[in-house]
Each structure stands twice: as structure tokens, then as C-alpha cells.
């Protein structure tokens, strides 16, 4: 996904279980040049929206 996302492009990851899974994924992508712009949660499900810097 990192290679396929253009500079300043948006990456949306959905269907994630809120909690440890979202934290782990957010940490992984922010350490690879993405900025977490938004997190939405409904019950136990989450969506993360990143911008590639």
C-alpha cells in the first residue's frame, strides 16, 4: 500500500477492529511517512484515513 499511494495521496483502511489493531496499524503507517488525519469508530469497528507525506 505504501508503494501504491501517491505523494500527498489518501489511504483509507476500514474494517479494522478498534483497539490494539488500530493502534498497531496507525503506528506502522505513521512510521512510514503517513500522517493519520482521521479515525472513525462505530461499535467495535474503525476506519483510519492517512495522507502520505
Protein backbone atom coordinates (compact mmCIF):
# COMPACT_ATOMS: atom_id res chain seq x y z
CA UNK A 1 0.00 0.00 0.00
CA UNK A 2 2.87 2.34 0.75
CA UNK A 3 4.29 1.91 -2.75
CA UNK A 4 0.87 2.29 -4.41
CA UNK A 5 -0.11 5.50 -2.61
CA UNK A 6 0.96 8.71 -4.37
CA UNK A 7 2.74 11.54 -2.56
CA UNK A 8 0.03 13.59 -0.76
CA UNK A 9 -2.39 10.76 -1.59
CA UNK A 10 -5.09 9.49 0.73
CA UNK A 11 -5.10 5.96 2.14
CA UNK A 12 -8.28 4.72 3.81
CA UNK A 13 -8.23 1.49 5.82
CA UNK A 14 -11.58 0.16 7.02
CA UNK A 15 -12.98 -2.93 8.67
CA UNK A 16 -10.45 -2.73 11.49
CA UNK A 17 -11.22 -3.92 14.99
CA UNK A 18 -10.93 -0.91 17.30
CA UNK A 19 -8.20 -1.12 19.93
CA UNK A 20 -4.85 -2.85 19.61
CA UNK A 21 -5.33 -3.49 15.88
CA UNK A 22 -5.95 0.17 15.01
CA UNK A 23 -3.10 1.32 17.25
CA UNK A 24 -0.67 -1.12 15.64
CA UNK A 25 -1.70 -0.16 12.10
CA UNK A 26 -1.59 3.58 12.86
CA UNK A 27 1.91 3.21 14.34
CA UNK A 28 3.11 1.21 11.35
CA UNK A 29 1.88 3.70 8.74
CA UNK A 30 2.94 6.84 10.62
CA UNK A 31 6.47 5.42 10.90
CA UNK A 32 6.48 5.02 7.11
CA UNK A 33 5.70 8.61 6.16
CA UNK A 34 1.91 8.73 6.53
CA UNK A 35 0.01 11.17 8.74
CA UNK A 36 -3.13 9.93 10.48
CA UNK A 37 -5.77 12.51 9.59
CA UNK A 38 -8.94 10.90 10.93
CA UNK A 39 -10.21 7.92 12.87
CA UNK A 40 -13.89 6.97 12.90
CA UNK A 41 -15.37 4.33 15.16
CA UNK A 42 -18.73 2.56 15.17
CA UNK A 43 -19.13 -0.05 17.87
CA UNK A 44 -16.00 -2.24 17.63
CA UNK A 45 -15.13 -1.22 14.03
CA UNK A 46 -12.77 1.54 12.94
CA UNK A 47 -11.75 3.39 9.80
CA UNK A 48 -8.37 5.16 9.53
CA UNK A 49 -7.63 7.89 6.99
CA UNK A 50 -4.00 8.74 6.25
CA UNK A 51 -2.20 11.22 3.99
CA UNK A 52 1.15 10.17 2.55
CA UNK A 53 3.80 12.85 3.14
